[in-house]
Amino acid sequence: MTIETGFDSNYRKVLVAARRARQLQNGSGALVATQSTKPCRIAQEEIDAGKIAYVKTEVPVVKPLVGESGIPILTS
């Protein structure tokens, strides 16, 4: 598990911003001084200021096995 401050894709950046915007909507305080009142914009400004990081866990990718019935079977 590592703490990342840079984003490896725009998709991850959008996910982190969406989660932070939800936190702001639920009453969390802004980490940067801003004139905006919109949670999505405040979250973007916090990310641009480097105030938001995320935790990247190492989860192995498991390819599902296909049984005779054609339904994927997940094994641990």
PDB file of N, CA and C in Angstrom:
ATOM      1  N   MET A   1       0.848  -1.162   0.000  1.00  0.00           N
ATOM      2  CA  MET A   1       0.000   0.000   0.000  1.00  0.00           C
ATOM      3  C   MET A   1       0.900   1.233   0.000  1.00  0.00           C
ATOM      4  N   THR A   2       0.638   2.137  -0.929  1.00  0.00           N
ATOM      5  CA  THR A   2       1.423   3.359  -1.021  1.00  0.00           C
ATOM      6  C   THR A   2       0.495   4.568  -1.110  1.00  0.00           C
ATOM      7  N   ILE A   3       0.975   5.692  -0.628  1.00  0.00           N
ATOM      8  CA  ILE A   3       0.223   6.939  -0.734  1.00  0.00           C
ATOM      9  C   ILE A   3       0.728   7.683  -1.962  1.00  0.00           C
ATOM     10  N   GLU A   4      -0.180   7.976  -2.876  1.00  0.00           N
ATOM     11  CA  GLU A   4       0.157   8.628  -4.135  1.00  0.00           C
ATOM     12  C   GLU A   4      -0.346  10.071  -4.119  1.00  0.00           C
ATOM     13  N   THR A   5       0.458  10.974  -4.651  1.00  0.00           N
ATOM     14  CA  THR A   5       0.010  12.358  -4.797  1.00  0.00           C
ATOM     15  C   THR A   5      -0.188  12.703  -6.267  1.00  0.00           C
ATOM     16  N   GLY A   6       0.515  12.013  -7.159  1.00  0.00           N
ATOM     17  CA  GLY A   6       0.320  12.217  -8.589  1.00  0.00           C
ATOM     18  C   GLY A   6      -0.694  11.212  -9.113  1.00  0.00           C
ATOM     19  N   PHE A   7      -1.306  11.502 -10.224  1.00  0.00           N
ATOM     20  CA  PHE A   7      -2.324  10.626 -10.771  1.00  0.00           C
ATOM     21  C   PHE A   7      -1.796   9.933 -12.006  1.00  0.00           C
ATOM     22  N   ASP A   8      -2.049   8.624 -12.098  1.00  0.00           N
ATOM     23  CA  ASP A   8      -1.577   7.860 -13.238  1.00  0.00           C
ATOM     24  C   ASP A   8      -2.546   7.918 -14.417  1.00  0.00           C
ATOM     25  N   SER A   9      -3.765   8.415 -14.187  1.00  0.00           N
ATOM     26  CA  SER A   9      -4.728   8.560 -15.280  1.00  0.00           C
ATOM     27  C   SER A   9      -5.759   9.627 -14.909  1.00  0.00           C
ATOM     28  N   ASN A  10      -6.391  10.165 -15.919  1.00  0.00           N
ATOM     29  CA  ASN A  10      -7.450  11.144 -15.677  1.00  0.00           C
ATOM     30  C   ASN A  10      -8.643  10.496 -14.987  1.00  0.00           C
ATOM     31  N   TYR A  11      -8.862   9.216 -15.268  1.00  0.00           N
ATOM     32  CA  TYR A  11      -9.971   8.491 -14.646  1.00  0.00           C
ATOM     33  C   TYR A  11      -9.795   8.460 -13.130  1.00  0.00           C
ATOM     34  N   ARG A  12      -8.596   8.153 -12.667  1.00  0.00           N
ATOM     35  CA  ARG A  12      -8.343   8.111 -11.231  1.00  0.00           C
ATOM     36  C   ARG A  12      -8.509   9.500 -10.616  1.00  0.00           C
ATOM     37  N   LYS A  13      -8.080  10.520 -11.325  1.00  0.00           N
ATOM     38  CA  LYS A  13      -8.214  11.888 -10.821  1.00  0.00           C
ATOM     39  C   LYS A  13      -9.693  12.251 -10.649  1.00  0.00           C
ATOM     40  N   VAL A  14     -10.522  11.855 -11.591  1.00  0.00           N
ATOM     41  CA  VAL A  14     -11.954  12.130 -11.508  1.00  0.00           C
ATOM     42  C   VAL A  14     -12.568  11.370 -10.338  1.00  0.00           C
ATOM     43  N   LEU A  15     -12.161  10.118 -10.128  1.00  0.00           N
ATOM     44  CA  LEU A  15     -12.686   9.335  -9.012  1.00  0.00           C
ATOM     45  C   LEU A  15     -12.328   9.959  -7.667  1.00  0.00           C
ATOM     46  N   VAL A  16     -11.083  10.408  -7.535  1.00  0.00           N
ATOM     47  CA  VAL A  16     -10.644  11.026  -6.284  1.00  0.00           C
ATOM     48  C   VAL A  16     -11.382  12.347  -6.072  1.00  0.00           C
ATOM     49  N   ALA A  17     -11.543  13.135  -7.129  1.00  0.00           N
ATOM     50  CA  ALA A  17     -12.259  14.408  -7.011  1.00  0.00           C
ATOM     51  C   ALA A  17     -13.722  14.176  -6.642  1.00  0.00           C
ATOM     52  N   ALA A  18     -14.331  13.156  -7.203  1.00  0.00           N
ATOM     53  CA  ALA A  18     -15.732  12.857  -6.891  1.00  0.00           C
ATOM     54  C   ALA A  18     -15.892  12.447  -5.434  1.00  0.00           C
ATOM     55  N   ARG A  19     -14.974  11.621  -4.944  1.00  0.00           N
ATOM     56  CA  ARG A  19     -15.047  11.203  -3.540  1.00  0.00           C
ATOM     57  C   ARG A  19     -14.845  12.402  -2.609  1.00  0.00           C
ATOM     58  N   ARG A  20     -13.898  13.273  -2.954  1.00  0.00           N
ATOM     59  CA  ARG A  20     -13.647  14.452  -2.121  1.00  0.00           C
ATOM     60  C   ARG A  20     -14.849  15.403  -2.168  1.00  0.00           C
ATOM     61  N   ALA A  21     -15.475  15.558  -3.344  1.00  0.00           N
ATOM     62  CA  ALA A  21     -16.650  16.411  -3.467  1.00  0.00           C
ATOM     63  C   ALA A  21     -17.783  15.876  -2.588  1.00  0.00           C
ATOM     64  N   ARG A  22     -17.912  14.563  -2.516  1.00  0.00           N
ATOM     65  CA  ARG A  22     -18.937  13.971  -1.648  1.00  0.00           C
ATOM     66  C   ARG A  22     -18.647  14.283  -0.186  1.00  0.00           C
ATOM     67  N   GLN A  23     -17.377  14.239   0.191  1.00  0.00           N
ATOM     68  CA  GLN A  23     -17.000  14.591   1.566  1.00  0.00           C
ATOM     69  C   GLN A  23     -17.346  16.049   1.859  1.00  0.00           C
ATOM     70  N   LEU A  24     -17.098  16.921   0.903  1.00  0.00           N
ATOM     71  CA  LEU A  24     -17.414  18.333   1.076  1.00  0.00           C
ATOM     72  C   LEU A  24     -18.924  18.551   1.197  1.00  0.00           C
ATOM     73  N   GLN A  25     -19.696  17.815   0.423  1.00  0.00           N
ATOM     74  CA  GLN A  25     -21.151  17.925   0.495  1.00  0.00           C
ATOM     75  C   GLN A  25     -21.674  17.476   1.855  1.00  0.00           C
ATOM     76  N   ASN A  26     -20.975  16.535   2.471  1.00  0.00           N
ATOM     77  CA  ASN A  26     -21.406  16.011   3.768  1.00  0.00           C
ATOM     78  C   ASN A  26     -20.886  16.831   4.940  1.00  0.00           C
ATOM     79  N   GLY A  27     -20.285  17.992   4.671  1.00  0.00           N
ATOM     80  CA  GLY A  27     -19.915  18.897   5.746  1.00  0.00           C
ATOM     81  C   GLY A  27     -18.438  19.032   6.031  1.00  0.00           C
ATOM     82  N   SER A  28     -17.579  18.358   5.302  1.00  0.00           N
ATOM     83  CA  SER A  28     -16.142  18.488   5.510  1.00  0.00           C
ATOM     84  C   SER A  28     -15.687  19.886   5.076  1.00  0.00           C
ATOM     85  N   GLY A  29     -14.691  20.418   5.754  1.00  0.00           N
ATOM     86  CA  GLY A  29     -14.188  21.747   5.427  1.00  0.00           C
ATOM     87  C   GLY A  29     -13.223  21.733   4.256  1.00  0.00           C
ATOM     88  N   ALA A  30     -13.181  22.825   3.527  1.00  0.00           N
ATOM     89  CA  ALA A  30     -12.268  22.949   2.390  1.00  0.00           C
ATOM     90  C   ALA A  30     -10.834  23.096   2.885  1.00  0.00           C
ATOM     91  N   LEU A  31      -9.892  22.519   2.146  1.00  0.00           N
ATOM     92  CA  LEU A  31      -8.482  22.567   2.513  1.00  0.00           C
ATOM     93  C   LEU A  31      -7.747  23.746   1.880  1.00  0.00           C
ATOM     94  N   VAL A  32      -8.414  24.461   0.989  1.00  0.00           N
ATOM     95  CA  VAL A  32      -7.822  25.631   0.334  1.00  0.00           C
ATOM     96  C   VAL A  32      -8.800  26.795   0.423  1.00  0.00           C
ATOM     97  N   ALA A  33      -8.245  27.998   0.376  1.00  0.00           N
ATOM     98  CA  ALA A  33      -9.096  29.190   0.334  1.00  0.00           C
ATOM     99  C   ALA A  33      -9.660  29.319  -1.078  1.00  0.00           C
ATOM    100  N   THR A  34     -10.973  29.412  -1.177  1.00  0.00           N
ATOM    101  CA  THR A  34     -11.606  29.464  -2.489  1.00  0.00           C
ATOM    102  C   THR A  34     -12.819  30.378  -2.449  1.00  0.00           C
ATOM    103  N   GLN A  35     -13.188  30.882  -3.601  1.00  0.00           N
ATOM    104  CA  GLN A  35     -14.384  31.708  -3.709  1.00  0.00           C
ATOM    105  C   GLN A  35     -15.566  30.874  -4.179  1.00  0.00           C
ATOM    106  N   SER A  36     -15.294  29.660  -4.628  1.00  0.00           N
ATOM    107  CA  SER A  36     -16.347  28.797  -5.142  1.00  0.00           C
ATOM    108  C   SER A  36     -17.155  28.174  -4.011  1.00  0.00           C
ATOM    109  N   THR A  37     -18.423  27.916  -4.287  1.00  0.00           N
ATOM    110  CA  THR A  37     -19.274  27.224  -3.327  1.00  0.00           C
ATOM    111  C   THR A  37     -19.640  25.828  -3.815  1.00  0.00           C
ATOM    112  N   LYS A  38     -19.190  25.483  -5.015  1.00  0.00           N
ATOM    113  CA  LYS A  38     -19.522  24.182  -5.593  1.00  0.00           C
ATOM    114  C   LYS A  38     -18.505  23.139  -5.141  1.00  0.00           C
ATOM    115  N   PRO A  39     -18.977  22.035  -4.571  1.00  0.00           N
ATOM    116  CA  PRO A  39     -18.060  21.008  -4.058  1.00  0.00           C
ATOM    117  C   PRO A  39     -17.122  20.426  -5.113  1.00  0.00           C
ATOM    118  N   CYS A  40     -17.615  20.246  -6.332  1.00  0.00           N
ATOM    119  CA  CYS A  40     -16.754  19.676  -7.388  1.00  0.00           C
ATOM    120  C   CYS A  40     -15.589  20.616  -7.716  1.00  0.00           C
ATOM    121  N   ARG A  41     -15.877  21.881  -7.787  1.00  0.00           N
ATOM    122  CA  ARG A  41     -14.831  22.869  -8.092  1.00  0.00           C
ATOM    123  C   ARG A  41     -13.837  22.986  -6.948  1.00  0.00           C
ATOM    124  N   ILE A  42     -14.331  22.960  -5.718  1.00  0.00           N
ATOM    125  CA  ILE A  42     -13.441  23.025  -4.559  1.00  0.00           C
ATOM    126  C   ILE A  42     -12.529  21.804  -4.539  1.00  0.00           C
ATOM    127  N   ALA A  43     -13.075  20.620  -4.837  1.00  0.00           N
ATOM    128  CA  ALA A  43     -12.273  19.396  -4.878  1.00  0.00           C
ATOM    129  C   ALA A  43     -11.189  19.499  -5.947  1.00  0.00           C
ATOM    130  N   GLN A  44     -11.515  20.044  -7.099  1.00  0.00           N
ATOM    131  CA  GLN A  44     -10.519  20.211  -8.160  1.00  0.00           C
ATOM    132  C   GLN A  44      -9.416  21.174  -7.734  1.00  0.00           C
ATOM    133  N   GLU A  45      -9.790  22.252  -7.064  1.00  0.00           N
ATOM    134  CA  GLU A  45      -8.794  23.213  -6.592  1.00  0.00           C
ATOM    135  C   GLU A  45      -7.885  22.585  -5.533  1.00  0.00           C
ATOM    136  N   GLU A  46      -8.445  21.752  -4.669  1.00  0.00           N
ATOM    137  CA  GLU A  46      -7.634  21.069  -3.661  1.00  0.00           C
ATOM    138  C   GLU A  46      -6.642  20.112  -4.314  1.00  0.00           C
ATOM    139  N   ILE A  47      -7.075  19.411  -5.342  1.00  0.00           N
ATOM    140  CA  ILE A  47      -6.184  18.493  -6.062  1.00  0.00           C
ATOM    141  C   ILE A  47      -5.081  19.274  -6.754  1.00  0.00           C
ATOM    142  N   ASP A  48      -5.434  20.376  -7.411  1.00  0.00           N
ATOM    143  CA  ASP A  48      -4.436  21.200  -8.101  1.00  0.00           C
ATOM    144  C   ASP A  48      -3.422  21.792  -7.126  1.00  0.00           C
ATOM    145  N   ALA A  49      -3.853  22.050  -5.890  1.00  0.00           N
ATOM    146  CA  ALA A  49      -2.952  22.608  -4.880  1.00  0.00           C
ATOM    147  C   ALA A  49      -2.093  21.526  -4.223  1.00  0.00           C
ATOM    148  N   GLY A  50      -2.348  20.263  -4.545  1.00  0.00           N
ATOM    149  CA  GLY A  50      -1.563  19.173  -3.966  1.00  0.00           C
ATOM    150  C   GLY A  50      -1.987  18.800  -2.557  1.00  0.00           C
ATOM    151  N   LYS A  51      -3.199  19.156  -2.160  1.00  0.00           N
ATOM    152  CA  LYS A  51      -3.681  18.888  -0.804  1.00  0.00           C
ATOM    153  C   LYS A  51      -4.339  17.512  -0.680  1.00  0.00           C
ATOM    154  N   ILE A  52      -4.636  16.871  -1.788  1.00  0.00           N
ATOM    155  CA  ILE A  52      -5.350  15.596  -1.772  1.00  0.00           C
ATOM    156  C   ILE A  52      -4.422  14.484  -2.278  1.00  0.00           C
ATOM    157  N   ALA A  53      -4.375  13.406  -1.523  1.00  0.00           N
ATOM    158  CA  ALA A  53      -3.624  12.215  -1.919  1.00  0.00           C
ATOM    159  C   ALA A  53      -4.565  11.024  -1.829  1.00  0.00           C
ATOM    160  N   TYR A  54      -4.162   9.904  -2.386  1.00  0.00           N
ATOM    161  CA  TYR A  54      -4.977   8.699  -2.296  1.00  0.00           C
ATOM    162  C   TYR A  54      -4.076   7.511  -1.999  1.00  0.00           C
ATOM    163  N   VAL A  55      -4.679   6.468  -1.485  1.00  0.00           N
ATOM    164  CA  VAL A  55      -3.929   5.263  -1.129  1.00  0.00           C
ATOM    165  C   VAL A  55      -4.130   4.237  -2.226  1.00  0.00           C
ATOM    166  N   LYS A  56      -3.026   3.745  -2.755  1.00  0.00           N
ATOM    167  CA  LYS A  56      -3.079   2.742  -3.810  1.00  0.00           C
ATOM    168  C   LYS A  56      -2.692   1.396  -3.213  1.00  0.00           C
ATOM    169  N   THR A  57      -3.634   0.476  -3.218  1.00  0.00           N
ATOM    170  CA  THR A  57      -3.363  -0.855  -2.681  1.00  0.00           C
ATOM    171  C   THR A  57      -2.986  -1.789  -3.821  1.00  0.00           C
ATOM    172  N   GLU A  58      -2.155  -2.728  -3.506  1.00  0.00           N
ATOM    173  CA  GLU A  58      -1.720  -3.707  -4.499  1.00  0.00           C
ATOM    174  C   GLU A  58      -2.682  -4.890  -4.462  1.00  0.00           C
ATOM    175  N   VAL A  59      -3.642  -4.894  -5.367  1.00  0.00           N
ATOM    176  CA  VAL A  59      -4.599  -5.988  -5.462  1.00  0.00           C
ATOM    177  C   VAL A  59      -4.264  -6.777  -6.720  1.00  0.00           C
ATOM    178  N   PRO A  60      -3.964  -8.069  -6.568  1.00  0.00           N
ATOM    179  CA  PRO A  60      -3.619  -8.849  -7.755  1.00  0.00           C
ATOM    180  C   PRO A  60      -4.829  -9.012  -8.676  1.00  0.00           C
ATOM    181  N   VAL A  61      -4.567  -8.966  -9.965  1.00  0.00           N
ATOM    182  CA  VAL A  61      -5.615  -9.161 -10.952  1.00  0.00           C
ATOM    183  C   VAL A  61      -5.782 -10.658 -11.153  1.00  0.00           C
ATOM    184  N   VAL A  62      -7.010 -11.131 -10.980  1.00  0.00           N
ATOM    185  CA  VAL A  62      -7.291 -12.555 -11.118  1.00  0.00           C
ATOM    186  C   VAL A  62      -8.170 -12.753 -12.341  1.00  0.00           C
ATOM    187  N   LYS A  63      -7.691 -13.576 -13.246  1.00  0.00           N
ATOM    188  CA  LYS A  63      -8.462 -13.875 -14.446  1.00  0.00           C
ATOM    189  C   LYS A  63      -9.498 -14.932 -14.093  1.00  0.00           C
ATOM    190  N   PRO A  64     -10.786 -14.667 -14.362  1.00  0.00           N
ATOM    191  CA  PRO A  64     -11.804 -15.653 -14.012  1.00  0.00           C
ATOM    192  C   PRO A  64     -11.678 -16.906 -14.876  1.00  0.00           C
ATOM    193  N   LEU A  65     -11.940 -18.042 -14.255  1.00  0.00           N
ATOM    194  CA  LEU A  65     -11.939 -19.310 -14.969  1.00  0.00           C
ATOM    195  C   LEU A  65     -13.321 -19.522 -15.574  1.00  0.00           C
ATOM    196  N   VAL A  66     -13.353 -20.060 -16.773  1.00  0.00           N
ATOM    197  CA  VAL A  66     -14.626 -20.309 -17.427  1.00  0.00           C
ATOM    198  C   VAL A  66     -14.926 -21.794 -17.304  1.00  0.00           C
ATOM    199  N   GLY A  67     -16.044 -22.113 -16.659  1.00  0.00           N
ATOM    200  CA  GLY A  67     -16.462 -23.501 -16.493  1.00  0.00           C
ATOM    201  C   GLY A  67     -17.148 -24.010 -17.741  1.00  0.00           C
ATOM    202  N   GLU A  68     -17.646 -25.219 -17.674  1.00  0.00           N
ATOM    203  CA  GLU A  68     -18.302 -25.827 -18.830  1.00  0.00           C
ATOM    204  C   GLU A  68     -19.582 -25.100 -19.215  1.00  0.00           C
ATOM    205  N   SER A  69     -20.264 -24.501 -18.225  1.00  0.00           N
ATOM    206  CA  SER A  69     -21.519 -23.825 -18.524  1.00  0.00           C
ATOM    207  C   SER A  69     -21.313 -22.433 -19.129  1.00  0.00           C
ATOM    208  N   GLY A  70     -20.085 -21.976 -19.201  1.00  0.00           N
ATOM    209  CA  GLY A  70     -19.807 -20.669 -19.779  1.00  0.00           C
ATOM    210  C   GLY A  70     -19.938 -19.535 -18.775  1.00  0.00           C
ATOM    211  N   ILE A  71     -20.183 -19.851 -17.514  1.00  0.00           N
ATOM    212  CA  ILE A  71     -20.304 -18.833 -16.482  1.00  0.00           C
ATOM    213  C   ILE A  71     -18.957 -18.706 -15.792  1.00  0.00           C
ATOM    214  N   PRO A  72     -18.411 -17.482 -15.687  1.00  0.00           N
ATOM    215  CA  PRO A  72     -17.114 -17.324 -15.013  1.00  0.00           C
ATOM    216  C   PRO A  72     -17.195 -17.766 -13.553  1.00  0.00           C
ATOM    217  N   ILE A  73     -16.177 -18.469 -13.114  1.00  0.00           N
ATOM    218  CA  ILE A  73     -16.085 -18.942 -11.739  1.00  0.00           C
ATOM    219  C   ILE A  73     -14.866 -18.270 -11.116  1.00  0.00           C
ATOM    220  N   LEU A  74     -15.082 -17.502 -10.061  1.00  0.00           N
ATOM    221  CA  LEU A  74     -13.985 -16.814  -9.382  1.00  0.00           C
ATOM    222  C   LEU A  74     -13.486 -17.693  -8.255  1.00  0.00           C
ATOM    223  N   THR A  75     -12.172 -17.886  -8.217  1.00  0.00           N
ATOM    224  CA  THR A  75     -11.565 -18.664  -7.135  1.00  0.00           C
ATOM    225  C   THR A  75     -10.587 -17.772  -6.395  1.00  0.00           C
ATOM    226  N   SER A  76     -10.392 -18.053  -5.139  1.00  0.00           N
ATOM    227  CA  SER A  76      -9.457 -17.275  -4.338  1.00  0.00           C
ATOM    228  C   SER A  76      -8.163 -18.006  -4.191  1.00  0.00           C
TER     229      SER A  76
END
